[in-house]
Amino acid sequence: QVQLVESGGGLVQAGGSLRLSCVASGRTFSNYLMGWFRQAPGKEREFVAAIRWEVPSTYYADSVKGRFAISRDNAKNTVYLQMNSLKPEDTAVYYCAAQRGVFRDYTSSNEYDYWGQGTQVTVSS
């Protein structure tokens, strides 16, 4: 049974930083892409960043490029999202997700196979 468990959310002032973690368990995640999404109240879930387990390929939404960084620790089966220069509009529940295979749309939440429970990030102005 695949489990994705996020942690690291919290309340931070604008301009501050947070690091989210996602621990994956239940199977081997080679050939998987791991993504971070977020969902603010009243809005659709949106893509934030993604990374492959086995190759150093990373992808970012334009809204976070240059401020957020996604990374992974294969030995710990953990994916991180370092968030810097946070803005109030970054406030949302952040979700970790896993996508099997290749050549799938990494920006679409419908293309992910497993999801974590989410962690709240609140940025105050």
PDB file of N, CA and C in Angstrom:
ATOM      1  N   GLN A   1       0.841  -1.189   0.000  1.00  0.00           N
ATOM      2  CA  GLN A   1       0.000   0.000   0.000  1.00  0.00           C
ATOM      3  C   GLN A   1       0.881   1.245   0.000  1.00  0.00           C
ATOM      4  N   VAL A   2       0.677   2.087  -0.984  1.00  0.00           N
ATOM      5  CA  VAL A   2       1.482   3.299  -1.112  1.00  0.00           C
ATOM      6  C   VAL A   2       1.004   4.349  -0.119  1.00  0.00           C
ATOM      7  N   GLN A   3       1.966   4.936   0.559  1.00  0.00           N
ATOM      8  CA  GLN A   3       1.651   6.042   1.467  1.00  0.00           C
ATOM      9  C   GLN A   3       2.572   7.214   1.183  1.00  0.00           C
ATOM     10  N   LEU A   4       1.991   8.388   1.168  1.00  0.00           N
ATOM     11  CA  LEU A   4       2.741   9.629   1.051  1.00  0.00           C
ATOM     12  C   LEU A   4       2.363  10.486   2.250  1.00  0.00           C
ATOM     13  N   VAL A   5       3.360  10.880   3.020  1.00  0.00           N
ATOM     14  CA  VAL A   5       3.087  11.636   4.245  1.00  0.00           C
ATOM     15  C   VAL A   5       3.860  12.939   4.203  1.00  0.00           C
ATOM     16  N   GLU A   6       3.126  14.045   4.162  1.00  0.00           N
ATOM     17  CA  GLU A   6       3.737  15.378   4.135  1.00  0.00           C
ATOM     18  C   GLU A   6       3.912  15.909   5.545  1.00  0.00           C
ATOM     19  N   SER A   7       4.878  16.788   5.683  1.00  0.00           N
ATOM     20  CA  SER A   7       5.085  17.512   6.928  1.00  0.00           C
ATOM     21  C   SER A   7       5.818  18.806   6.615  1.00  0.00           C
ATOM     22  N   GLY A   8       5.885  19.681   7.614  1.00  0.00           N
ATOM     23  CA  GLY A   8       6.666  20.901   7.461  1.00  0.00           C
ATOM     24  C   GLY A   8       5.876  22.166   7.233  1.00  0.00           C
ATOM     25  N   GLY A   9       4.564  22.044   7.101  1.00  0.00           N
ATOM     26  CA  GLY A   9       3.763  23.247   6.926  1.00  0.00           C
ATOM     27  C   GLY A   9       3.702  24.070   8.206  1.00  0.00           C
ATOM     28  N   GLY A  10       3.129  25.261   8.089  1.00  0.00           N
ATOM     29  CA  GLY A  10       3.005  26.126   9.259  1.00  0.00           C
ATOM     30  C   GLY A  10       2.676  27.536   8.873  1.00  0.00           C
ATOM     31  N   LEU A  11       2.831  28.425   9.837  1.00  0.00           N
ATOM     32  CA  LEU A  11       2.563  29.853   9.660  1.00  0.00           C
ATOM     33  C   LEU A  11       3.883  30.590   9.573  1.00  0.00           C
ATOM     34  N   VAL A  12       4.018  31.419   8.549  1.00  0.00           N
ATOM     35  CA  VAL A  12       5.249  32.160   8.356  1.00  0.00           C
ATOM     36  C   VAL A  12       4.901  33.551   7.831  1.00  0.00           C
ATOM     37  N   GLN A  13       5.752  34.514   8.112  1.00  0.00           N
ATOM     38  CA  GLN A  13       5.535  35.867   7.595  1.00  0.00           C
ATOM     39  C   GLN A  13       5.991  35.971   6.149  1.00  0.00           C
ATOM     40  N   ALA A  14       5.412  36.902   5.445  1.00  0.00           N
ATOM     41  CA  ALA A  14       5.828  37.135   4.062  1.00  0.00           C
ATOM     42  C   ALA A  14       7.333  37.383   4.006  1.00  0.00           C
ATOM     43  N   GLY A  15       7.976  36.790   3.007  1.00  0.00           N
ATOM     44  CA  GLY A  15       9.419  36.883   2.887  1.00  0.00           C
ATOM     45  C   GLY A  15      10.165  35.752   3.576  1.00  0.00           C
ATOM     46  N   GLY A  16       9.449  34.983   4.376  1.00  0.00           N
ATOM     47  CA  GLY A  16      10.072  33.890   5.102  1.00  0.00           C
ATOM     48  C   GLY A  16      10.203  32.623   4.278  1.00  0.00           C
ATOM     49  N   SER A  17      10.646  31.558   4.954  1.00  0.00           N
ATOM     50  CA  SER A  17      10.902  30.288   4.272  1.00  0.00           C
ATOM     51  C   SER A  17      10.297  29.129   5.053  1.00  0.00           C
ATOM     52  N   LEU A  18       9.973  28.075   4.325  1.00  0.00           N
ATOM     53  CA  LEU A  18       9.555  26.818   4.910  1.00  0.00           C
ATOM     54  C   LEU A  18      10.092  25.690   4.039  1.00  0.00           C
ATOM     55  N   ARG A  19      10.316  24.533   4.637  1.00  0.00           N
ATOM     56  CA  ARG A  19      10.669  23.348   3.867  1.00  0.00           C
ATOM     57  C   ARG A  19       9.662  22.253   4.146  1.00  0.00           C
ATOM     58  N   LEU A  20       9.005  21.816   3.102  1.00  0.00           N
ATOM     59  CA  LEU A  20       8.060  20.703   3.203  1.00  0.00           C
ATOM     60  C   LEU A  20       8.772  19.395   2.878  1.00  0.00           C
ATOM     61  N   SER A  21       8.334  18.336   3.552  1.00  0.00           N
ATOM     62  CA  SER A  21       8.865  16.996   3.294  1.00  0.00           C
ATOM     63  C   SER A  21       7.730  16.050   2.933  1.00  0.00           C
ATOM     64  N   CYS A  22       8.056  15.080   2.103  1.00  0.00           N
ATOM     65  CA  CYS A  22       7.083  14.042   1.724  1.00  0.00           C
ATOM     66  C   CYS A  22       7.819  12.707   1.774  1.00  0.00           C
ATOM     67  N   VAL A  23       7.430  11.877   2.722  1.00  0.00           N
ATOM     68  CA  VAL A  23       8.024  10.550   2.836  1.00  0.00           C
ATOM     69  C   VAL A  23       7.139   9.547   2.116  1.00  0.00           C
ATOM     70  N   ALA A  24       7.734   8.811   1.186  1.00  0.00           N
ATOM     71  CA  ALA A  24       6.993   7.835   0.384  1.00  0.00           C
ATOM     72  C   ALA A  24       7.320   6.421   0.850  1.00  0.00           C
ATOM     73  N   SER A  25       6.302   5.579   0.931  1.00  0.00           N
ATOM     74  CA  SER A  25       6.519   4.196   1.352  1.00  0.00           C
ATOM     75  C   SER A  25       5.525   3.281   0.659  1.00  0.00           C
ATOM     76  N   GLY A  26       5.800   1.988   0.714  1.00  0.00           N
ATOM     77  CA  GLY A  26       4.861   1.011   0.198  1.00  0.00           C
ATOM     78  C   GLY A  26       5.257   0.355  -1.106  1.00  0.00           C
ATOM     79  N   ARG A  27       6.262   0.905  -1.778  1.00  0.00           N
ATOM     80  CA  ARG A  27       6.728   0.292  -3.022  1.00  0.00           C
ATOM     81  C   ARG A  27       8.036   0.941  -3.432  1.00  0.00           C
ATOM     82  N   THR A  28       8.595   0.454  -4.517  1.00  0.00           N
ATOM     83  CA  THR A  28       9.782   1.079  -5.096  1.00  0.00           C
ATOM     84  C   THR A  28       9.335   2.182  -6.041  1.00  0.00           C
ATOM     85  N   PHE A  29       9.927   3.351  -5.891  1.00  0.00           N
ATOM     86  CA  PHE A  29       9.459   4.498  -6.656  1.00  0.00           C
ATOM     87  C   PHE A  29      10.336   4.839  -7.857  1.00  0.00           C
ATOM     88  N   SER A  30      11.158   3.903  -8.275  1.00  0.00           N
ATOM     89  CA  SER A  30      11.870   4.134  -9.527  1.00  0.00           C
ATOM     90  C   SER A  30      10.833   4.243 -10.639  1.00  0.00           C
ATOM     91  N   ASN A  31      11.123   5.035 -11.648  1.00  0.00           N
ATOM     92  CA  ASN A  31      10.202   5.275 -12.753  1.00  0.00           C
ATOM     93  C   ASN A  31       8.959   6.054 -12.322  1.00  0.00           C
ATOM     94  N   TYR A  32       9.019   6.704 -11.172  1.00  0.00           N
ATOM     95  CA  TYR A  32       7.949   7.574 -10.727  1.00  0.00           C
ATOM     96  C   TYR A  32       8.399   9.021 -10.832  1.00  0.00           C
ATOM     97  N   LEU A  33       7.417   9.873 -11.023  1.00  0.00           N
ATOM     98  CA  LEU A  33       7.631  11.305 -10.891  1.00  0.00           C
ATOM     99  C   LEU A  33       6.871  11.760  -9.647  1.00  0.00           C
ATOM    100  N   MET A  34       7.498  12.584  -8.833  1.00  0.00           N
ATOM    101  CA  MET A  34       6.882  13.086  -7.606  1.00  0.00           C
ATOM    102  C   MET A  34       6.555  14.566  -7.787  1.00  0.00           C
ATOM    103  N   GLY A  35       5.350  14.915  -7.421  1.00  0.00           N
ATOM    104  CA  GLY A  35       4.920  16.297  -7.603  1.00  0.00           C
ATOM    105  C   GLY A  35       4.421  16.930  -6.318  1.00  0.00           C
ATOM    106  N   TRP A  36       4.458  18.239  -6.302  1.00  0.00           N
ATOM    107  CA  TRP A  36       3.811  19.036  -5.261  1.00  0.00           C
ATOM    108  C   TRP A  36       2.717  19.867  -5.924  1.00  0.00           C
ATOM    109  N   PHE A  37       1.564  19.839  -5.302  1.00  0.00           N
ATOM    110  CA  PHE A  37       0.446  20.663  -5.730  1.00  0.00           C
ATOM    111  C   PHE A  37      -0.021  21.486  -4.531  1.00  0.00           C
ATOM    112  N   ARG A  38      -0.828  22.480  -4.803  1.00  0.00           N
ATOM    113  CA  ARG A  38      -1.410  23.253  -3.707  1.00  0.00           C
ATOM    114  C   ARG A  38      -2.839  23.631  -4.060  1.00  0.00           C
ATOM    115  N   GLN A  39      -3.619  23.836  -3.008  1.00  0.00           N
ATOM    116  CA  GLN A  39      -5.008  24.223  -3.198  1.00  0.00           C
ATOM    117  C   GLN A  39      -5.395  25.254  -2.145  1.00  0.00           C
ATOM    118  N   ALA A  40      -5.739  26.432  -2.628  1.00  0.00           N
ATOM    119  CA  ALA A  40      -6.202  27.507  -1.755  1.00  0.00           C
ATOM    120  C   ALA A  40      -7.728  27.427  -1.655  1.00  0.00           C
ATOM    121  N   PRO A  41      -8.311  27.994  -0.586  1.00  0.00           N
ATOM    122  CA  PRO A  41      -9.770  27.946  -0.433  1.00  0.00           C
ATOM    123  C   PRO A  41     -10.488  28.540  -1.634  1.00  0.00           C
ATOM    124  N   GLY A  42     -11.441  27.796  -2.159  1.00  0.00           N
ATOM    125  CA  GLY A  42     -12.230  28.270  -3.286  1.00  0.00           C
ATOM    126  C   GLY A  42     -11.545  28.189  -4.633  1.00  0.00           C
ATOM    127  N   LYS A  43     -10.347  27.601  -4.649  1.00  0.00           N
ATOM    128  CA  LYS A  43      -9.616  27.512  -5.920  1.00  0.00           C
ATOM    129  C   LYS A  43      -9.333  26.058  -6.260  1.00  0.00           C
ATOM    130  N   GLU A  44      -9.001  25.825  -7.524  1.00  0.00           N
ATOM    131  CA  GLU A  44      -8.651  24.480  -7.957  1.00  0.00           C
ATOM    132  C   GLU A  44      -7.238  24.125  -7.501  1.00  0.00           C
ATOM    133  N   ARG A  45      -7.005  22.833  -7.421  1.00  0.00           N
ATOM    134  CA  ARG A  45      -5.666  22.374  -7.089  1.00  0.00           C
ATOM    135  C   ARG A  45      -4.730  22.717  -8.248  1.00  0.00           C
ATOM    136  N   GLU A  46      -3.558  23.268  -7.928  1.00  0.00           N
ATOM    137  CA  GLU A  46      -2.644  23.690  -8.978  1.00  0.00           C
ATOM    138  C   GLU A  46      -1.260  23.093  -8.787  1.00  0.00           C
ATOM    139  N   PHE A  47      -0.621  22.871  -9.912  1.00  0.00           N
ATOM    140  CA  PHE A  47       0.722  22.321  -9.932  1.00  0.00           C
ATOM    141  C   PHE A  47       1.715  23.325  -9.370  1.00  0.00           C
ATOM    142  N   VAL A  48       2.676  22.819  -8.597  1.00  0.00           N
ATOM    143  CA  VAL A  48       3.738  23.664  -8.046  1.00  0.00           C
ATOM    144  C   VAL A  48       5.103  23.246  -8.598  1.00  0.00           C
ATOM    145  N   ALA A  49       5.460  21.981  -8.405  1.00  0.00           N
ATOM    146  CA  ALA A  49       6.776  21.504  -8.837  1.00  0.00           C
ATOM    147  C   ALA A  49       6.754  19.984  -8.942  1.00  0.00           C
ATOM    148  N   ALA A  50       7.735  19.440  -9.687  1.00  0.00           N
ATOM    149  CA  ALA A  50       7.832  17.990  -9.823  1.00  0.00           C
ATOM    150  C   ALA A  50       9.281  17.590 -10.045  1.00  0.00           C
ATOM    151  N   ILE A  51       9.575  16.332  -9.713  1.00  0.00           N
ATOM    152  CA  ILE A  51      10.930  15.808  -9.856  1.00  0.00           C
ATOM    153  C   ILE A  51      10.859  14.312 -10.086  1.00  0.00           C
ATOM    154  N   ARG A  52      11.795  13.791 -10.859  1.00  0.00           N
ATOM    155  CA  ARG A  52      11.875  12.339 -11.072  1.00  0.00           C
ATOM    156  C   ARG A  52      12.824  11.742 -10.036  1.00  0.00           C
ATOM    157  N   TRP A  53      12.562  10.486  -9.667  1.00  0.00           N
ATOM    158  CA  TRP A  53      13.410   9.835  -8.670  1.00  0.00           C
ATOM    159  C   TRP A  53      14.796   9.554  -9.234  1.00  0.00           C
ATOM    160  N   GLU A  54      14.881   9.144 -10.489  1.00  0.00           N
ATOM    161  CA  GLU A  54      16.132   8.568 -10.980  1.00  0.00           C
ATOM    162  C   GLU A  54      16.971   9.498 -11.840  1.00  0.00           C
ATOM    163  N   VAL A  55      16.416  10.569 -12.293  1.00  0.00           N
ATOM    164  CA  VAL A  55      17.212  11.511 -13.088  1.00  0.00           C
ATOM    165  C   VAL A  55      16.980  12.911 -12.528  1.00  0.00           C
ATOM    166  N   PRO A  56      17.946  13.801 -12.672  1.00  0.00           N
ATOM    167  CA  PRO A  56      17.818  15.142 -12.070  1.00  0.00           C
ATOM    168  C   PRO A  56      16.974  16.082 -12.908  1.00  0.00           C
ATOM    169  N   SER A  57      15.745  15.671 -13.185  1.00  0.00           N
ATOM    170  CA  SER A  57      14.843  16.532 -13.944  1.00  0.00           C
ATOM    171  C   SER A  57      13.839  17.169 -12.992  1.00  0.00           C
ATOM    172  N   THR A  58      13.746  18.478 -13.034  1.00  0.00           N
ATOM    173  CA  THR A  58      12.808  19.203 -12.183  1.00  0.00           C
ATOM    174  C   THR A  58      11.951  20.131 -13.032  1.00  0.00           C
ATOM    175  N   TYR A  59      10.756  20.391 -12.537  1.00  0.00           N
ATOM    176  CA  TYR A  59       9.786  21.209 -13.259  1.00  0.00           C
ATOM    177  C   TYR A  59       9.090  22.120 -12.254  1.00  0.00           C
ATOM    178  N   TYR A  60       8.803  23.351 -12.678  1.00  0.00           N
ATOM    179  CA  TYR A  60       8.196  24.324 -11.777  1.00  0.00           C
ATOM    180  C   TYR A  60       7.081  25.096 -12.467  1.00  0.00           C
ATOM    181  N   ALA A  61       6.111  25.485 -11.664  1.00  0.00           N
ATOM    182  CA  ALA A  61       5.126  26.447 -12.133  1.00  0.00           C
ATOM    183  C   ALA A  61       5.796  27.815 -12.216  1.00  0.00           C
ATOM    184  N   ASP A  62       5.360  28.628 -13.156  1.00  0.00           N
ATOM    185  CA  ASP A  62       5.953  29.956 -13.319  1.00  0.00           C
ATOM    186  C   ASP A  62       5.830  30.788 -12.043  1.00  0.00           C
ATOM    187  N   SER A  63       4.757  30.588 -11.312  1.00  0.00           N
ATOM    188  CA  SER A  63       4.499  31.401 -10.125  1.00  0.00           C
ATOM    189  C   SER A  63       5.499  31.147  -8.997  1.00  0.00           C
ATOM    190  N   VAL A  64       6.215  30.033  -9.038  1.00  0.00           N
ATOM    191  CA  VAL A  64       7.152  29.720  -7.957  1.00  0.00           C
ATOM    192  C   VAL A  64       8.593  29.626  -8.451  1.00  0.00           C
ATOM    193  N   LYS A  65       8.801  29.724  -9.733  1.00  0.00           N
ATOM    194  CA  LYS A  65      10.146  29.575 -10.290  1.00  0.00           C
ATOM    195  C   LYS A  65      11.065  30.631  -9.699  1.00  0.00           C
ATOM    196  N   GLY A  66      12.232  30.203  -9.247  1.00  0.00           N
ATOM    197  CA  GLY A  66      13.188  31.121  -8.646  1.00  0.00           C
ATOM    198  C   GLY A  66      13.010  31.298  -7.158  1.00  0.00           C
ATOM    199  N   ARG A  67      11.877  30.856  -6.608  1.00  0.00           N
ATOM    200  CA  ARG A  67      11.627  30.972  -5.170  1.00  0.00           C
ATOM    201  C   ARG A  67      11.566  29.606  -4.495  1.00  0.00           C
ATOM    202  N   PHE A  68      11.022  28.616  -5.186  1.00  0.00           N
ATOM    203  CA  PHE A  68      10.888  27.275  -4.634  1.00  0.00           C
ATOM    204  C   PHE A  68      11.903  26.338  -5.287  1.00  0.00           C
ATOM    205  N   ALA A  69      12.297  25.317  -4.540  1.00  0.00           N
ATOM    206  CA  ALA A  69      13.207  24.312  -5.079  1.00  0.00           C
ATOM    207  C   ALA A  69      12.765  22.931  -4.615  1.00  0.00           C
ATOM    208  N   ILE A  70      12.621  22.030  -5.561  1.00  0.00           N
ATOM    209  CA  ILE A  70      12.248  20.650  -5.247  1.00  0.00           C
ATOM    210  C   ILE A  70      13.496  19.781  -5.303  1.00  0.00           C
ATOM    211  N   SER A  71      13.592  18.853  -4.372  1.00  0.00           N
ATOM    212  CA  SER A  71      14.739  17.944  -4.342  1.00  0.00           C
ATOM    213  C   SER A  71      14.290  16.609  -3.770  1.00  0.00           C
ATOM    214  N   ARG A  72      15.186  15.624  -3.806  1.00  0.00           N
ATOM    215  CA  ARG A  72      14.830  14.301  -3.286  1.00  0.00           C
ATOM    216  C   ARG A  72      16.041  13.665  -2.648  1.00  0.00           C
ATOM    217  N   ASP A  73      15.759  12.783  -1.707  1.00  0.00           N
ATOM    218  CA  ASP A  73      16.780  11.974  -1.077  1.00  0.00           C
ATOM    219  C   ASP A  73      16.351  10.531  -1.299  1.00  0.00           C
ATOM    220  N   ASN A  74      16.974   9.891  -2.282  1.00  0.00           N
ATOM    221  CA  ASN A  74      16.543   8.541  -2.649  1.00  0.00           C
ATOM    222  C   ASN A  74      16.702   7.558  -1.496  1.00  0.00           C
ATOM    223  N   ALA A  75      17.751   7.715  -0.719  1.00  0.00           N
ATOM    224  CA  ALA A  75      18.003   6.779   0.384  1.00  0.00           C
ATOM    225  C   ALA A  75      16.909   6.865   1.442  1.00  0.00           C
ATOM    226  N   LYS A  76      16.311   8.030   1.582  1.00  0.00           N
ATOM    227  CA  LYS A  76      15.266   8.227   2.585  1.00  0.00           C
ATOM    228  C   LYS A  76      13.867   8.177   1.980  1.00  0.00           C
ATOM    229  N   ASN A  77      13.787   7.960   0.666  1.00  0.00           N
ATOM    230  CA  ASN A  77      12.485   7.970  -0.006  1.00  0.00           C
ATOM    231  C   ASN A  77      11.701   9.241   0.321  1.00  0.00           C
ATOM    232  N   THR A  78      12.397  10.353   0.305  1.00  0.00           N
ATOM    233  CA  THR A  78      11.797  11.622   0.718  1.00  0.00           C
ATOM    234  C   THR A  78      11.997  12.675  -0.362  1.00  0.00           C
ATOM    235  N   VAL A  79      10.941  13.417  -0.607  1.00  0.00           N
ATOM    236  CA  VAL A  79      10.976  14.555  -1.517  1.00  0.00           C
ATOM    237  C   VAL A  79      10.756  15.821  -0.698  1.00  0.00           C
ATOM    238  N   TYR A  80      11.498  16.865  -1.040  1.00  0.00           N
ATOM    239  CA  TYR A  80      11.421  18.133  -0.304  1.00  0.00           C
ATOM    240  C   TYR A  80      10.941  19.249  -1.222  1.00  0.00           C
ATOM    241  N   LEU A  81      10.328  20.228  -0.610  1.00  0.00           N
ATOM    242  CA  LEU A  81      10.003  21.469  -1.313  1.00  0.00           C
ATOM    243  C   LEU A  81      10.487  22.614  -0.442  1.00  0.00           C
ATOM    244  N   GLN A  82      11.596  23.210  -0.831  1.00  0.00           N
ATOM    245  CA  GLN A  82      12.120  24.383  -0.138  1.00  0.00           C
ATOM    246  C   GLN A  82      11.422  25.615  -0.697  1.00  0.00           C
ATOM    247  N   MET A  83      10.769  26.346   0.173  1.00  0.00           N
ATOM    248  CA  MET A  83      10.003  27.521  -0.256  1.00  0.00           C
ATOM    249  C   MET A  83      10.605  28.763   0.364  1.00  0.00           C
ATOM    250  N   ASN A  84      11.118  29.648  -0.460  1.00  0.00           N
ATOM    251  CA  ASN A  84      11.728  30.899  -0.015  1.00  0.00           C
ATOM    252  C   ASN A  84      10.926  32.087  -0.525  1.00  0.00           C
ATOM    253  N   SER A  85      11.191  33.233   0.076  1.00  0.00           N
ATOM    254  CA  SER A  85      10.512  34.475  -0.336  1.00  0.00           C
ATOM    255  C   SER A  85       9.006  34.264  -0.443  1.00  0.00           C
ATOM    256  N   LEU A  86       8.452  33.676   0.578  1.00  0.00           N
ATOM    257  CA  LEU A  86       7.030  33.336   0.546  1.00  0.00           C
ATOM    258  C   LEU A  86       6.160  34.592   0.509  1.00  0.00           C
ATOM    259  N   LYS A  87       5.046  34.449  -0.198  1.00  0.00           N
ATOM    260  CA  LYS A  87       4.089  35.537  -0.354  1.00  0.00           C
ATOM    261  C   LYS A  87       2.726  35.094   0.200  1.00  0.00           C
ATOM    262  N   PRO A  88       1.889  36.049   0.577  1.00  0.00           N
ATOM    263  CA  PRO A  88       0.552  35.667   1.064  1.00  0.00           C
ATOM    264  C   PRO A  88      -0.213  34.800   0.061  1.00  0.00           C
ATOM    265  N   GLU A  89       0.011  35.008  -1.218  1.00  0.00           N
ATOM    266  CA  GLU A  89      -0.692  34.204  -2.236  1.00  0.00           C
ATOM    267  C   GLU A  89      -0.182  32.771  -2.322  1.00  0.00           C
ATOM    268  N   ASP A  90       0.869  32.441  -1.584  1.00  0.00           N
ATOM    269  CA  ASP A  90       1.327  31.056  -1.501  1.00  0.00           C
ATOM    270  C   ASP A  90       0.530  30.264  -0.459  1.00  0.00           C
ATOM    271  N   THR A  91      -0.319  30.946   0.287  1.00  0.00           N
ATOM    272  CA  THR A  91      -1.131  30.282   1.304  1.00  0.00           C
ATOM    273  C   THR A  91      -2.040  29.238   0.675  1.00  0.00           C
ATOM    274  N   ALA A  92      -1.940  27.997   1.152  1.00  0.00           N
ATOM    275  CA  ALA A  92      -2.721  26.891   0.586  1.00  0.00           C
ATOM    276  C   ALA A  92      -2.419  25.618   1.370  1.00  0.00           C
ATOM    277  N   VAL A  93      -3.192  24.603   1.094  1.00  0.00           N
ATOM    278  CA  VAL A  93      -2.821  23.251   1.529  1.00  0.00           C
ATOM    279  C   VAL A  93      -1.925  22.669   0.433  1.00  0.00           C
ATOM    280  N   TYR A  94      -0.779  22.180   0.833  1.00  0.00           N
ATOM    281  CA  TYR A  94       0.189  21.622  -0.112  1.00  0.00           C
ATOM    282  C   TYR A  94       0.128  20.096  -0.053  1.00  0.00           C
ATOM    283  N   TYR A  95       0.054  19.494  -1.245  1.00  0.00           N
ATOM    284  CA  TYR A  95      -0.072  18.053  -1.372  1.00  0.00           C
ATOM    285  C   TYR A  95       1.113  17.468  -2.138  1.00  0.00           C
ATOM    286  N   CYS A  96       1.563  16.334  -1.668  1.00  0.00           N
ATOM    287  CA  CYS A  96       2.550  15.539  -2.367  1.00  0.00           C
ATOM    288  C   CYS A  96       1.808  14.484  -3.186  1.00  0.00           C
ATOM    289  N   ALA A  97       2.322  14.168  -4.380  1.00  0.00           N
ATOM    290  CA  ALA A  97       1.655  13.191  -5.236  1.00  0.00           C
ATOM    291  C   ALA A  97       2.695  12.404  -6.026  1.00  0.00           C
ATOM    292  N   ALA A  98       2.316  11.186  -6.432  1.00  0.00           N
ATOM    293  CA  ALA A  98       3.213  10.319  -7.183  1.00  0.00           C
ATOM    294  C   ALA A  98       2.548   9.882  -8.488  1.00  0.00           C
ATOM    295  N   GLN A  99       3.343   9.893  -9.554  1.00  0.00           N
ATOM    296  CA  GLN A  99       2.856   9.554 -10.891  1.00  0.00           C
ATOM    297  C   GLN A  99       3.714   8.430 -11.455  1.00  0.00           C
ATOM    298  N   ARG A 100       3.062   7.340 -11.850  1.00  0.00           N
ATOM    299  CA  ARG A 100       3.790   6.219 -12.456  1.00  0.00           C
ATOM    300  C   ARG A 100       4.125   6.519 -13.905  1.00  0.00           C
ATOM    301  N   GLY A 101       5.261   5.983 -14.358  1.00  0.00           N
ATOM    302  CA  GLY A 101       5.564   5.984 -15.775  1.00  0.00           C
ATOM    303  C   GLY A 101       6.108   7.308 -16.293  1.00  0.00           C
ATOM    304  N   VAL A 102       6.102   7.419 -17.623  1.00  0.00           N
ATOM    305  CA  VAL A 102       6.668   8.591 -18.296  1.00  0.00           C
ATOM    306  C   VAL A 102       5.671   9.120 -19.325  1.00  0.00           C
ATOM    307  N   PHE A 103       6.001  10.265 -19.892  1.00  0.00           N
ATOM    308  CA  PHE A 103       5.209  10.883 -20.950  1.00  0.00           C
ATOM    309  C   PHE A 103       3.776  11.161 -20.526  1.00  0.00           C
ATOM    310  N   ARG A 104       3.601  11.480 -19.234  1.00  0.00           N
ATOM    311  CA  ARG A 104       2.313  11.907 -18.747  1.00  0.00           C
ATOM    312  C   ARG A 104       2.417  13.372 -18.354  1.00  0.00           C
ATOM    313  N   ASP A 105       1.294  14.061 -18.370  1.00  0.00           N
ATOM    314  CA  ASP A 105       1.272  15.482 -18.062  1.00  0.00           C
ATOM    315  C   ASP A 105       1.544  15.676 -16.577  1.00  0.00           C
ATOM    316  N   TYR A 106       2.711  16.205 -16.240  1.00  0.00           N
ATOM    317  CA  TYR A 106       3.068  16.367 -14.830  1.00  0.00           C
ATOM    318  C   TYR A 106       2.382  17.570 -14.199  1.00  0.00           C
ATOM    319  N   THR A 107       1.745  18.415 -14.981  1.00  0.00           N
ATOM    320  CA  THR A 107       1.046  19.570 -14.410  1.00  0.00           C
ATOM    321  C   THR A 107      -0.412  19.271 -14.066  1.00  0.00           C
ATOM    322  N   SER A 108      -0.914  18.124 -14.487  1.00  0.00           N
ATOM    323  CA  SER A 108      -2.324  17.793 -14.282  1.00  0.00           C
ATOM    324  C   SER A 108      -2.506  16.892 -13.080  1.00  0.00           C
ATOM    325  N   SER A 109      -3.330  17.330 -12.121  1.00  0.00           N
ATOM    326  CA  SER A 109      -3.567  16.510 -10.939  1.00  0.00           C
ATOM    327  C   SER A 109      -4.253  15.193 -11.307  1.00  0.00           C
ATOM    328  N   ASN A 110      -4.974  15.166 -12.408  1.00  0.00           N
ATOM    329  CA  ASN A 110      -5.657  13.940 -12.835  1.00  0.00           C
ATOM    330  C   ASN A 110      -4.686  12.850 -13.267  1.00  0.00           C
ATOM    331  N   GLU A 111      -3.442  13.230 -13.548  1.00  0.00           N
ATOM    332  CA  GLU A 111      -2.448  12.277 -14.041  1.00  0.00           C
ATOM    333  C   GLU A 111      -1.592  11.679 -12.933  1.00  0.00           C
ATOM    334  N   TYR A 112      -1.936  11.935 -11.688  1.00  0.00           N
ATOM    335  CA  TYR A 112      -1.191  11.390 -10.551  1.00  0.00           C
ATOM    336  C   TYR A 112      -1.977  10.243  -9.925  1.00  0.00           C
ATOM    337  N   ASP A 113      -1.222   9.258  -9.445  1.00  0.00           N
ATOM    338  CA  ASP A 113      -1.843   8.019  -8.986  1.00  0.00           C
ATOM    339  C   ASP A 113      -2.001   7.933  -7.468  1.00  0.00           C
ATOM    340  N   TYR A 114      -1.145   8.614  -6.750  1.00  0.00           N
ATOM    341  CA  TYR A 114      -1.195   8.560  -5.288  1.00  0.00           C
ATOM    342  C   TYR A 114      -1.043   9.970  -4.724  1.00  0.00           C
ATOM    343  N   TRP A 115      -1.709  10.200  -3.584  1.00  0.00           N
ATOM    344  CA  TRP A 115      -1.709  11.517  -2.947  1.00  0.00           C
ATOM    345  C   TRP A 115      -1.489  11.397  -1.448  1.00  0.00           C
ATOM    346  N   GLY A 116      -0.842  12.416  -0.895  1.00  0.00           N
ATOM    347  CA  GLY A 116      -0.752  12.542   0.545  1.00  0.00           C
ATOM    348  C   GLY A 116      -1.957  13.279   1.089  1.00  0.00           C
ATOM    349  N   GLN A 117      -1.957  13.471   2.401  1.00  0.00           N
ATOM    350  CA  GLN A 117      -3.112  14.080   3.057  1.00  0.00           C
ATOM    351  C   GLN A 117      -3.054  15.605   3.050  1.00  0.00           C
ATOM    352  N   GLY A 118      -1.913  16.162   2.751  1.00  0.00           N
ATOM    353  CA  GLY A 118      -1.769  17.610   2.668  1.00  0.00           C
ATOM    354  C   GLY A 118      -1.230  18.222   3.947  1.00  0.00           C
ATOM    355  N   THR A 119      -0.581  19.369   3.793  1.00  0.00           N
ATOM    356  CA  THR A 119      -0.077  20.131   4.928  1.00  0.00           C
ATOM    357  C   THR A 119      -0.354  21.602   4.667  1.00  0.00           C
ATOM    358  N   GLN A 120      -0.825  22.300   5.689  1.00  0.00           N
ATOM    359  CA  GLN A 120      -1.242  23.695   5.533  1.00  0.00           C
ATOM    360  C   GLN A 120      -0.044  24.629   5.600  1.00  0.00           C
ATOM    361  N   VAL A 121       0.022  25.533   4.645  1.00  0.00           N
ATOM    362  CA  VAL A 121       1.007  26.616   4.660  1.00  0.00           C
ATOM    363  C   VAL A 121       0.238  27.931   4.668  1.00  0.00           C
ATOM    364  N   THR A 122       0.526  28.759   5.654  1.00  0.00           N
ATOM    365  CA  THR A 122      -0.125  30.057   5.761  1.00  0.00           C
ATOM    366  C   THR A 122       0.945  31.129   5.817  1.00  0.00           C
ATOM    367  N   VAL A 123       0.849  32.092   4.907  1.00  0.00           N
ATOM    368  CA  VAL A 123       1.807  33.185   4.837  1.00  0.00           C
ATOM    369  C   VAL A 123       1.082  34.472   5.190  1.00  0.00           C
ATOM    370  N   SER A 124       1.518  35.109   6.263  1.00  0.00           N
ATOM    371  CA  SER A 124       0.874  36.346   6.700  1.00  0.00           C
ATOM    372  C   SER A 124       1.579  37.558   6.110  1.00  0.00           C
ATOM    373  N   SER A 125       0.809  38.601   5.887  1.00  0.00           N
ATOM    374  CA  SER A 125       1.388  39.812   5.276  1.00  0.00           C
ATOM    375  C   SER A 125       1.891  40.776   6.345  1.00  0.00           C
TER     376      SER A 125
END
